[in-house]
Amino acid sequence: MTLELVFIIIIAFRNHQMAKRLVVYEDSPKYDLWFKILLGSIPVGLLILGLLTYQGILPDETEAEAGEGAIILFASVTFFLLLYLMLLPRKYQILEDRLKVVLGGPFSFTINFNGVKTAEQVRGLAPIIGIDFTTSVDRVKIVRKGWGLNVLLSPGNRDLFLQNLDKALNDWRERHTYSL
């Protein structure tokens, strides 16, 4: 058997395994107005400071120092925008065996069902220790078993998301004879 044939078999098996993990439900995150204002205020504030520094209005510095300060502030704006693009959730996918939080670019966060105890609605901004992907006050808390950190999400349609997540969790538990 040639090396190319081995690779073809491995890739075909991997694709077959990946195809078995179908997306059961997909939802976009809900972004509240307060969250958009909070996120937008950081780059806008830095941009205003950069323009004021570049124009020499703020603070009293030499022209060269003002130019350097403006460049640093403009670079900070770019940094924050790239950070937002990479780390803010784009969609939530419920698969047959896990929950996937799709972030920007190649980044994602996966929660396997074997580590999930329950999922429940949470309202408000009370701090909850865990991994926080919330963009709204209407949240879903994924309670993890053992020492795993809870995960907070803000799906666009929270009720339908929870309904589909509960169904997928129950189906997975039936297939794996899983008990709490």
N, C-alpha and C. Protein backbone atom coordinates (compact mmCIF):
# COMPACT_ATOMS: atom_id res chain seq x y z
N MET A 1 0.85 -1.17 0.00
CA MET A 1 0.00 0.00 0.00
C MET A 1 0.90 1.23 0.00
N THR A 2 0.61 2.15 -0.88
CA THR A 2 1.45 3.34 -0.97
C THR A 2 1.05 4.36 0.08
N LEU A 3 1.94 5.29 0.32
CA LEU A 3 1.71 6.31 1.31
C LEU A 3 0.53 7.22 0.94
N GLU A 4 0.39 7.51 -0.36
CA GLU A 4 -0.73 8.34 -0.81
C GLU A 4 -2.07 7.67 -0.52
N LEU A 5 -2.16 6.38 -0.72
CA LEU A 5 -3.39 5.65 -0.47
C LEU A 5 -3.73 5.65 1.02
N VAL A 6 -2.72 5.55 1.87
CA VAL A 6 -2.95 5.62 3.31
C VAL A 6 -3.53 6.98 3.69
N PHE A 7 -2.95 8.05 3.14
CA PHE A 7 -3.47 9.39 3.42
C PHE A 7 -4.90 9.55 2.92
N ILE A 8 -5.22 9.01 1.77
CA ILE A 8 -6.58 9.10 1.23
C ILE A 8 -7.56 8.38 2.16
N ILE A 9 -7.16 7.23 2.65
CA ILE A 9 -8.03 6.47 3.55
C ILE A 9 -8.24 7.24 4.86
N ILE A 10 -7.16 7.80 5.40
CA ILE A 10 -7.26 8.57 6.65
C ILE A 10 -8.16 9.78 6.45
N ILE A 11 -7.99 10.52 5.36
CA ILE A 11 -8.81 11.70 5.10
C ILE A 11 -10.27 11.31 4.90
N ALA A 12 -10.52 10.22 4.18
CA ALA A 12 -11.90 9.77 3.98
C ALA A 12 -12.54 9.37 5.30
N PHE A 13 -11.81 8.68 6.17
CA PHE A 13 -12.34 8.29 7.47
C PHE A 13 -12.63 9.53 8.32
N ARG A 14 -11.70 10.48 8.31
CA ARG A 14 -11.90 11.71 9.10
C ARG A 14 -13.11 12.49 8.59
N ASN A 15 -13.26 12.61 7.28
CA ASN A 15 -14.42 13.31 6.72
C ASN A 15 -15.71 12.59 7.07
N HIS A 16 -15.66 11.25 7.08
CA HIS A 16 -16.85 10.48 7.46
C HIS A 16 -17.20 10.72 8.92
N GLN A 17 -16.19 10.78 9.79
CA GLN A 17 -16.44 11.06 11.21
C GLN A 17 -16.98 12.47 11.41
N MET A 18 -16.45 13.44 10.67
CA MET A 18 -16.91 14.82 10.80
C MET A 18 -18.33 14.96 10.27
N ALA A 19 -18.69 14.24 9.22
CA ALA A 19 -20.03 14.32 8.65
C ALA A 19 -21.07 13.78 9.63
N LYS A 20 -20.67 12.85 10.49
CA LYS A 20 -21.60 12.30 11.47
C LYS A 20 -21.99 13.33 12.52
N ARG A 21 -21.19 14.35 12.69
CA ARG A 21 -21.47 15.38 13.69
C ARG A 21 -22.19 16.55 13.02
N LEU A 22 -23.44 16.35 12.72
CA LEU A 22 -24.22 17.35 12.02
C LEU A 22 -24.66 18.47 12.95
N VAL A 23 -24.86 19.63 12.37
CA VAL A 23 -25.37 20.76 13.12
C VAL A 23 -26.87 20.55 13.32
N VAL A 24 -27.29 20.49 14.58
CA VAL A 24 -28.70 20.29 14.93
C VAL A 24 -29.44 21.62 14.90
N TYR A 25 -28.79 22.65 15.41
CA TYR A 25 -29.41 23.98 15.48
C TYR A 25 -28.31 25.02 15.47
N GLU A 26 -28.60 26.16 14.86
CA GLU A 26 -27.62 27.25 14.80
C GLU A 26 -28.34 28.57 15.08
N ASP A 27 -27.72 29.42 15.86
CA ASP A 27 -28.32 30.70 16.22
C ASP A 27 -27.24 31.77 16.25
N SER A 28 -27.64 32.99 15.94
CA SER A 28 -26.72 34.13 16.03
C SER A 28 -26.82 34.74 17.42
N PRO A 29 -25.75 35.37 17.89
CA PRO A 29 -25.82 36.00 19.21
C PRO A 29 -26.69 37.25 19.17
N LYS A 30 -27.27 37.56 20.31
CA LYS A 30 -28.07 38.77 20.46
C LYS A 30 -27.14 39.85 21.02
N TYR A 31 -27.03 40.97 20.32
CA TYR A 31 -26.21 42.09 20.77
C TYR A 31 -27.13 43.20 21.24
N ASP A 32 -27.15 43.47 22.55
CA ASP A 32 -27.95 44.56 23.10
C ASP A 32 -27.31 45.90 22.75
N LEU A 33 -28.14 46.95 22.76
CA LEU A 33 -27.66 48.29 22.44
C LEU A 33 -26.58 48.74 23.42
N TRP A 34 -26.75 48.46 24.72
CA TRP A 34 -25.74 48.86 25.70
C TRP A 34 -24.39 48.23 25.41
N PHE A 35 -24.42 46.99 24.90
CA PHE A 35 -23.17 46.28 24.59
C PHE A 35 -22.49 46.91 23.38
N LYS A 36 -23.28 47.26 22.37
CA LYS A 36 -22.72 47.91 21.18
C LYS A 36 -22.11 49.26 21.54
N ILE A 37 -22.79 50.01 22.40
CA ILE A 37 -22.28 51.32 22.82
C ILE A 37 -20.98 51.14 23.61
N LEU A 38 -20.97 50.18 24.52
CA LEU A 38 -19.78 49.92 25.32
C LEU A 38 -18.60 49.53 24.43
N LEU A 39 -18.82 48.62 23.50
CA LEU A 39 -17.74 48.19 22.61
C LEU A 39 -17.29 49.32 21.69
N GLY A 40 -18.24 50.09 21.18
CA GLY A 40 -17.89 51.16 20.25
C GLY A 40 -17.20 52.32 20.91
N SER A 41 -17.45 52.54 22.20
CA SER A 41 -16.86 53.70 22.88
C SER A 41 -15.34 53.60 23.01
N ILE A 42 -14.82 52.41 23.10
CA ILE A 42 -13.36 52.26 23.26
C ILE A 42 -12.61 52.70 22.00
N PRO A 43 -12.90 52.12 20.82
CA PRO A 43 -12.16 52.59 19.65
C PRO A 43 -12.49 54.03 19.26
N VAL A 44 -13.74 54.46 19.46
CA VAL A 44 -14.09 55.84 19.13
C VAL A 44 -13.34 56.80 20.05
N GLY A 45 -13.29 56.48 21.34
CA GLY A 45 -12.54 57.32 22.28
C GLY A 45 -11.06 57.39 21.93
N LEU A 46 -10.47 56.25 21.59
CA LEU A 46 -9.06 56.25 21.21
C LEU A 46 -8.83 57.02 19.91
N LEU A 47 -9.77 56.91 18.98
CA LEU A 47 -9.66 57.62 17.72
C LEU A 47 -9.72 59.14 17.95
N ILE A 48 -10.64 59.59 18.81
CA ILE A 48 -10.73 61.01 19.12
C ILE A 48 -9.46 61.50 19.81
N LEU A 49 -8.97 60.72 20.76
CA LEU A 49 -7.71 61.10 21.43
C LEU A 49 -6.55 61.15 20.43
N GLY A 50 -6.53 60.20 19.50
CA GLY A 50 -5.47 60.19 18.49
C GLY A 50 -5.53 61.42 17.60
N LEU A 51 -6.75 61.80 17.19
CA LEU A 51 -6.89 63.00 16.35
C LEU A 51 -6.50 64.27 17.11
N LEU A 52 -6.93 64.36 18.38
CA LEU A 52 -6.56 65.52 19.19
C LEU A 52 -5.05 65.59 19.42
N THR A 53 -4.44 64.45 19.61
CA THR A 53 -2.99 64.41 19.82
C THR A 53 -2.26 64.77 18.52
N TYR A 54 -2.74 64.25 17.40
CA TYR A 54 -2.12 64.53 16.10
C TYR A 54 -2.19 66.01 15.76
N GLN A 55 -3.32 66.64 16.10
CA GLN A 55 -3.50 68.06 15.82
C GLN A 55 -2.72 68.94 16.80
N GLY A 56 -2.17 68.35 17.85
CA GLY A 56 -1.39 69.10 18.82
C GLY A 56 -2.25 69.78 19.88
N ILE A 57 -3.52 69.43 19.93
CA ILE A 57 -4.43 70.03 20.91
C ILE A 57 -4.22 69.41 22.28
N LEU A 58 -3.95 68.13 22.28
CA LEU A 58 -3.85 67.39 23.54
C LEU A 58 -2.63 66.51 23.50
N PRO A 59 -1.80 66.44 24.39
CA PRO A 59 -1.34 67.42 25.37
C PRO A 59 -0.31 68.32 24.73
N ASP A 60 0.29 69.19 25.52
CA ASP A 60 1.32 70.10 25.00
C ASP A 60 2.62 69.32 24.86
N GLU A 61 2.93 68.94 23.64
CA GLU A 61 4.16 68.21 23.35
C GLU A 61 4.76 68.76 22.07
N THR A 62 5.95 68.30 21.77
CA THR A 62 6.53 68.68 20.50
C THR A 62 5.78 67.99 19.38
N GLU A 63 5.99 68.46 18.19
CA GLU A 63 5.27 67.90 17.04
C GLU A 63 5.63 66.42 16.83
N ALA A 64 6.88 66.06 17.04
CA ALA A 64 7.32 64.67 16.87
C ALA A 64 6.69 63.77 17.92
N GLU A 65 6.64 64.25 19.17
CA GLU A 65 6.03 63.45 20.23
C GLU A 65 4.53 63.29 20.00
N ALA A 66 3.87 64.34 19.53
CA ALA A 66 2.44 64.27 19.23
C ALA A 66 2.18 63.27 18.11
N GLY A 67 3.03 63.26 17.12
CA GLY A 67 2.89 62.30 16.01
C GLY A 67 3.05 60.87 16.49
N GLU A 68 4.03 60.64 17.36
CA GLU A 68 4.25 59.29 17.91
C GLU A 68 3.06 58.85 18.77
N GLY A 69 2.56 59.77 19.59
CA GLY A 69 1.40 59.45 20.43
C GLY A 69 0.18 59.14 19.59
N ALA A 70 -0.03 59.89 18.52
CA ALA A 70 -1.17 59.65 17.63
C ALA A 70 -1.05 58.28 16.97
N ILE A 71 0.15 57.94 16.54
CA ILE A 71 0.36 56.63 15.90
C ILE A 71 0.04 55.50 16.88
N ILE A 72 0.47 55.66 18.12
CA ILE A 72 0.20 54.64 19.14
C ILE A 72 -1.31 54.52 19.38
N LEU A 73 -2.00 55.64 19.45
CA LEU A 73 -3.45 55.60 19.67
C LEU A 73 -4.18 55.00 18.47
N PHE A 74 -3.75 55.34 17.23
CA PHE A 74 -4.38 54.76 16.04
C PHE A 74 -4.11 53.25 15.97
N ALA A 75 -2.91 52.84 16.37
CA ALA A 75 -2.60 51.40 16.41
C ALA A 75 -3.46 50.71 17.46
N SER A 76 -3.74 51.39 18.56
CA SER A 76 -4.61 50.81 19.58
C SER A 76 -6.03 50.61 19.05
N VAL A 77 -6.51 51.55 18.24
CA VAL A 77 -7.84 51.39 17.63
C VAL A 77 -7.85 50.14 16.76
N THR A 78 -6.83 49.99 15.94
CA THR A 78 -6.73 48.80 15.08
C THR A 78 -6.67 47.53 15.91
N PHE A 79 -5.90 47.56 16.99
CA PHE A 79 -5.78 46.40 17.87
C PHE A 79 -7.14 46.01 18.45
N PHE A 80 -7.89 46.98 18.96
CA PHE A 80 -9.20 46.67 19.55
C PHE A 80 -10.18 46.16 18.50
N LEU A 81 -10.16 46.73 17.31
CA LEU A 81 -11.07 46.25 16.27
C LEU A 81 -10.74 44.81 15.87
N LEU A 82 -9.46 44.50 15.74
CA LEU A 82 -9.06 43.12 15.43
C LEU A 82 -9.42 42.17 16.58
N LEU A 83 -9.26 42.63 17.80
CA LEU A 83 -9.63 41.83 18.96
C LEU A 83 -11.13 41.53 18.94
N TYR A 84 -11.94 42.54 18.64
CA TYR A 84 -13.39 42.33 18.54
C TYR A 84 -13.71 41.33 17.44
N LEU A 85 -13.05 41.48 16.29
CA LEU A 85 -13.32 40.56 15.17
C LEU A 85 -12.97 39.12 15.52
N MET A 86 -11.93 38.94 16.33
CA MET A 86 -11.48 37.58 16.66
C MET A 86 -12.26 36.96 17.81
N LEU A 87 -12.66 37.75 18.81
CA LEU A 87 -13.17 37.16 20.05
C LEU A 87 -14.67 37.27 20.26
N LEU A 88 -15.36 38.10 19.52
CA LEU A 88 -16.81 38.19 19.71
C LEU A 88 -17.50 37.03 19.00
N PRO A 89 -18.51 36.45 19.65
CA PRO A 89 -19.19 35.31 19.02
C PRO A 89 -19.92 35.69 17.75
N ARG A 90 -19.81 34.82 16.74
CA ARG A 90 -20.50 35.01 15.46
C ARG A 90 -21.79 34.18 15.42
N LYS A 91 -21.69 32.95 15.95
CA LYS A 91 -22.88 32.09 16.00
C LYS A 91 -22.65 30.98 17.01
N TYR A 92 -23.75 30.39 17.41
CA TYR A 92 -23.73 29.25 18.32
C TYR A 92 -24.27 28.06 17.56
N GLN A 93 -23.52 26.97 17.55
CA GLN A 93 -23.95 25.76 16.86
C GLN A 93 -24.13 24.63 17.86
N ILE A 94 -25.30 24.01 17.81
CA ILE A 94 -25.54 22.81 18.61
C ILE A 94 -25.34 21.64 17.66
N LEU A 95 -24.34 20.82 17.95
CA LEU A 95 -24.07 19.65 17.15
C LEU A 95 -24.59 18.43 17.90
N GLU A 96 -24.45 17.27 17.33
CA GLU A 96 -24.97 16.05 17.95
C GLU A 96 -24.27 15.69 19.25
N ASP A 97 -23.01 16.10 19.37
CA ASP A 97 -22.24 15.69 20.55
C ASP A 97 -21.58 16.83 21.31
N ARG A 98 -21.83 18.07 20.87
CA ARG A 98 -21.18 19.21 21.52
C ARG A 98 -21.87 20.52 21.12
N LEU A 99 -21.50 21.56 21.85
CA LEU A 99 -21.93 22.92 21.55
C LEU A 99 -20.70 23.69 21.11
N LYS A 100 -20.83 24.42 20.03
CA LYS A 100 -19.69 25.14 19.49
C LYS A 100 -20.01 26.63 19.41
N VAL A 101 -19.14 27.45 19.99
CA VAL A 101 -19.26 28.90 19.90
C VAL A 101 -18.28 29.33 18.81
N VAL A 102 -18.81 29.79 17.69
CA VAL A 102 -17.98 30.20 16.56
C VAL A 102 -17.59 31.66 16.76
N LEU A 103 -16.29 31.90 16.83
CA LEU A 103 -15.76 33.25 17.01
C LEU A 103 -15.25 33.74 15.65
N GLY A 104 -14.58 34.85 15.61
CA GLY A 104 -14.07 35.36 14.35
C GLY A 104 -12.91 34.56 13.82
N GLY A 105 -12.81 34.50 12.50
CA GLY A 105 -11.70 33.79 11.86
C GLY A 105 -11.72 32.31 12.17
N PRO A 106 -10.55 31.75 12.43
CA PRO A 106 -10.49 30.30 12.68
C PRO A 106 -10.79 29.92 14.13
N PHE A 107 -11.15 30.88 14.96
CA PHE A 107 -11.30 30.63 16.37
C PHE A 107 -12.70 30.13 16.72
N SER A 108 -12.75 29.20 17.66
CA SER A 108 -14.02 28.69 18.17
C SER A 108 -13.78 28.12 19.56
N PHE A 109 -14.88 27.90 20.27
CA PHE A 109 -14.84 27.34 21.61
C PHE A 109 -15.84 26.20 21.63
N THR A 110 -15.41 25.02 22.09
CA THR A 110 -16.26 23.84 22.05
C THR A 110 -16.53 23.34 23.46
N ILE A 111 -17.79 22.96 23.69
CA ILE A 111 -18.20 22.37 24.96
C ILE A 111 -18.75 20.98 24.64
N ASN A 112 -18.04 19.95 25.03
CA ASN A 112 -18.51 18.58 24.79
C ASN A 112 -19.66 18.26 25.74
N PHE A 113 -20.64 17.52 25.25
CA PHE A 113 -21.81 17.19 26.05
C PHE A 113 -21.48 16.33 27.26
N ASN A 114 -20.38 15.57 27.22
CA ASN A 114 -20.06 14.74 28.37
C ASN A 114 -19.66 15.56 29.59
N GLY A 115 -19.40 16.87 29.41
CA GLY A 115 -19.06 17.73 30.53
C GLY A 115 -20.17 18.67 30.95
N VAL A 116 -21.36 18.55 30.32
CA VAL A 116 -22.47 19.45 30.61
C VAL A 116 -23.43 18.80 31.60
N LYS A 117 -23.74 19.53 32.65
CA LYS A 117 -24.71 19.07 33.62
C LYS A 117 -26.11 19.54 33.24
N THR A 118 -26.30 20.85 33.11
CA THR A 118 -27.58 21.42 32.70
C THR A 118 -27.35 22.71 31.92
N ALA A 119 -28.43 23.22 31.35
CA ALA A 119 -28.44 24.53 30.70
C ALA A 119 -29.68 25.26 31.20
N GLU A 120 -29.51 26.53 31.56
CA GLU A 120 -30.63 27.26 32.14
C GLU A 120 -30.61 28.72 31.72
N GLN A 121 -31.79 29.36 31.81
CA GLN A 121 -31.90 30.78 31.51
C GLN A 121 -31.35 31.61 32.65
N VAL A 122 -30.72 32.72 32.29
CA VAL A 122 -30.23 33.67 33.28
C VAL A 122 -30.60 35.05 32.76
N ARG A 123 -31.11 35.89 33.63
CA ARG A 123 -31.50 37.26 33.23
C ARG A 123 -30.72 38.25 34.09
N GLY A 124 -30.21 39.30 33.48
CA GLY A 124 -29.51 40.34 34.21
C GLY A 124 -28.01 40.23 34.06
N LEU A 125 -27.33 41.12 34.74
CA LEU A 125 -25.87 41.19 34.63
C LEU A 125 -25.16 40.78 35.90
N ALA A 126 -25.83 40.02 36.75
CA ALA A 126 -25.19 39.54 37.97
C ALA A 126 -23.96 38.71 37.58
N PRO A 127 -22.84 38.97 38.22
CA PRO A 127 -21.63 38.23 37.85
C PRO A 127 -21.75 36.74 38.18
N ILE A 128 -21.35 35.94 37.23
CA ILE A 128 -21.31 34.49 37.40
C ILE A 128 -19.91 34.06 37.01
N ILE A 129 -19.27 33.31 37.86
CA ILE A 129 -17.91 32.88 37.57
C ILE A 129 -17.97 31.86 36.44
N GLY A 130 -17.23 32.14 35.40
CA GLY A 130 -17.20 31.23 34.27
C GLY A 130 -16.63 31.90 33.04
N ILE A 131 -16.80 31.23 31.91
CA ILE A 131 -16.35 31.74 30.62
C ILE A 131 -17.53 32.50 30.02
N ASP A 132 -17.33 33.76 29.75
CA ASP A 132 -18.43 34.65 29.42
C ASP A 132 -18.39 35.09 27.96
N PHE A 133 -19.36 34.62 27.16
CA PHE A 133 -19.53 35.05 25.78
C PHE A 133 -20.81 35.87 25.65
N THR A 134 -21.25 36.51 26.73
CA THR A 134 -22.53 37.21 26.69
C THR A 134 -22.40 38.57 26.01
N THR A 135 -23.43 38.89 25.26
CA THR A 135 -23.53 40.17 24.58
C THR A 135 -24.89 40.80 24.85
N SER A 136 -25.62 40.23 25.82
CA SER A 136 -26.96 40.68 26.15
C SER A 136 -27.26 40.33 27.60
N VAL A 137 -28.31 40.94 28.15
CA VAL A 137 -28.73 40.57 29.51
C VAL A 137 -29.55 39.28 29.50
N ASP A 138 -30.07 38.88 28.33
CA ASP A 138 -30.79 37.61 28.19
C ASP A 138 -29.77 36.52 27.89
N ARG A 139 -29.43 35.75 28.91
CA ARG A 139 -28.32 34.82 28.78
C ARG A 139 -28.74 33.38 29.01
N VAL A 140 -27.88 32.49 28.60
CA VAL A 140 -28.00 31.06 28.87
C VAL A 140 -26.74 30.65 29.61
N LYS A 141 -26.93 29.94 30.72
CA LYS A 141 -25.78 29.44 31.48
C LYS A 141 -25.68 27.94 31.26
N ILE A 142 -24.53 27.51 30.78
CA ILE A 142 -24.24 26.09 30.62
C ILE A 142 -23.50 25.68 31.88
N VAL A 143 -24.15 24.87 32.72
CA VAL A 143 -23.55 24.42 33.97
C VAL A 143 -22.74 23.16 33.66
N ARG A 144 -21.47 23.21 33.97
CA ARG A 144 -20.59 22.08 33.67
C ARG A 144 -20.37 21.25 34.91
N LYS A 145 -20.10 19.99 34.67
CA LYS A 145 -19.86 19.05 35.77
C LYS A 145 -18.47 19.25 36.36
N GLY A 146 -18.34 18.82 37.59
CA GLY A 146 -17.02 18.82 38.24
C GLY A 146 -16.46 20.22 38.40
N TRP A 147 -15.19 20.35 38.07
CA TRP A 147 -14.48 21.61 38.26
C TRP A 147 -14.50 22.48 37.02
N GLY A 148 -15.22 22.08 35.98
CA GLY A 148 -15.28 22.89 34.77
C GLY A 148 -16.00 24.20 35.00
N LEU A 149 -15.52 25.26 34.38
CA LEU A 149 -16.15 26.57 34.51
C LEU A 149 -17.46 26.61 33.74
N ASN A 150 -18.47 27.26 34.30
CA ASN A 150 -19.72 27.46 33.59
C ASN A 150 -19.47 28.37 32.40
N VAL A 151 -20.35 28.27 31.39
CA VAL A 151 -20.21 29.06 30.19
C VAL A 151 -21.49 29.87 30.01
N LEU A 152 -21.35 31.16 29.71
CA LEU A 152 -22.48 32.05 29.51
C LEU A 152 -22.56 32.46 28.04
N LEU A 153 -23.76 32.37 27.48
CA LEU A 153 -24.01 32.69 26.07
C LEU A 153 -25.20 33.63 25.97
N SER A 154 -25.34 34.30 24.82
CA SER A 154 -26.49 35.16 24.56
C SER A 154 -27.06 34.85 23.18
N PRO A 155 -27.76 33.73 23.03
CA PRO A 155 -28.34 33.42 21.71
C PRO A 155 -29.46 34.38 21.34
N GLY A 156 -29.67 34.56 20.04
CA GLY A 156 -30.70 35.46 19.56
C GLY A 156 -32.09 35.05 19.99
N ASN A 157 -32.38 33.76 19.91
CA ASN A 157 -33.67 33.23 20.35
C ASN A 157 -33.39 32.26 21.49
N ARG A 158 -33.38 32.78 22.70
CA ARG A 158 -32.95 32.01 23.86
C ARG A 158 -33.83 30.78 24.11
N ASP A 159 -35.15 30.94 24.01
CA ASP A 159 -36.05 29.83 24.28
C ASP A 159 -35.87 28.69 23.28
N LEU A 160 -35.81 29.03 22.00
CA LEU A 160 -35.62 28.00 20.97
C LEU A 160 -34.24 27.35 21.09
N PHE A 161 -33.23 28.15 21.44
CA PHE A 161 -31.89 27.62 21.64
C PHE A 161 -31.88 26.59 22.78
N LEU A 162 -32.48 26.96 23.91
CA LEU A 162 -32.53 26.04 25.06
C LEU A 162 -33.32 24.78 24.74
N GLN A 163 -34.41 24.94 24.01
CA GLN A 163 -35.22 23.78 23.63
C GLN A 163 -34.39 22.81 22.78
N ASN A 164 -33.68 23.34 21.78
CA ASN A 164 -32.86 22.49 20.92
C ASN A 164 -31.65 21.92 21.67
N LEU A 165 -31.07 22.70 22.58
CA LEU A 165 -29.94 22.20 23.36
C LEU A 165 -30.38 21.07 24.29
N ASP A 166 -31.52 21.24 24.95
CA ASP A 166 -32.04 20.18 25.82
C ASP A 166 -32.31 18.91 25.04
N LYS A 167 -32.90 19.06 23.85
CA LYS A 167 -33.18 17.88 23.02
C LYS A 167 -31.88 17.19 22.59
N ALA A 168 -30.90 17.97 22.15
CA ALA A 168 -29.62 17.39 21.73
C ALA A 168 -28.91 16.73 22.91
N LEU A 169 -28.95 17.36 24.08
CA LEU A 169 -28.33 16.76 25.28
C LEU A 169 -29.02 15.44 25.65
N ASN A 170 -30.34 15.44 25.65
CA ASN A 170 -31.08 14.21 25.98
C ASN A 170 -30.81 13.10 24.97
N ASP A 171 -30.79 13.44 23.68
CA ASP A 171 -30.49 12.44 22.65
C ASP A 171 -29.08 11.88 22.84
N TRP A 172 -28.14 12.76 23.13
CA TRP A 172 -26.76 12.32 23.33
C TRP A 172 -26.67 11.40 24.56
N ARG A 173 -27.36 11.77 25.62
CA ARG A 173 -27.32 10.96 26.85
C ARG A 173 -27.95 9.60 26.62
N GLU A 174 -29.02 9.53 25.84
CA GLU A 174 -29.64 8.24 25.52
C GLU A 174 -28.68 7.35 24.73
N ARG A 175 -27.96 7.94 23.78
CA ARG A 175 -27.02 7.16 22.98
C ARG A 175 -25.81 6.71 23.78
N HIS A 176 -25.47 7.44 24.83
CA HIS A 176 -24.27 7.12 25.60
C HIS A 176 -24.60 6.60 27.00
N THR A 177 -25.86 6.26 27.23
CA THR A 177 -26.32 5.78 28.54
C THR A 177 -25.63 6.55 29.65
N TYR A 178 -25.80 7.83 29.60
CA TYR A 178 -25.14 8.79 30.48
C TYR A 178 -26.06 9.08 31.66
N SER A 179 -25.50 9.14 32.85
CA SER A 179 -26.30 9.50 34.03
C SER A 179 -25.60 10.60 34.79
N LEU A 180 -26.38 11.45 35.42
CA LEU A 180 -25.80 12.56 36.21
C LEU A 180 -25.30 12.07 37.51
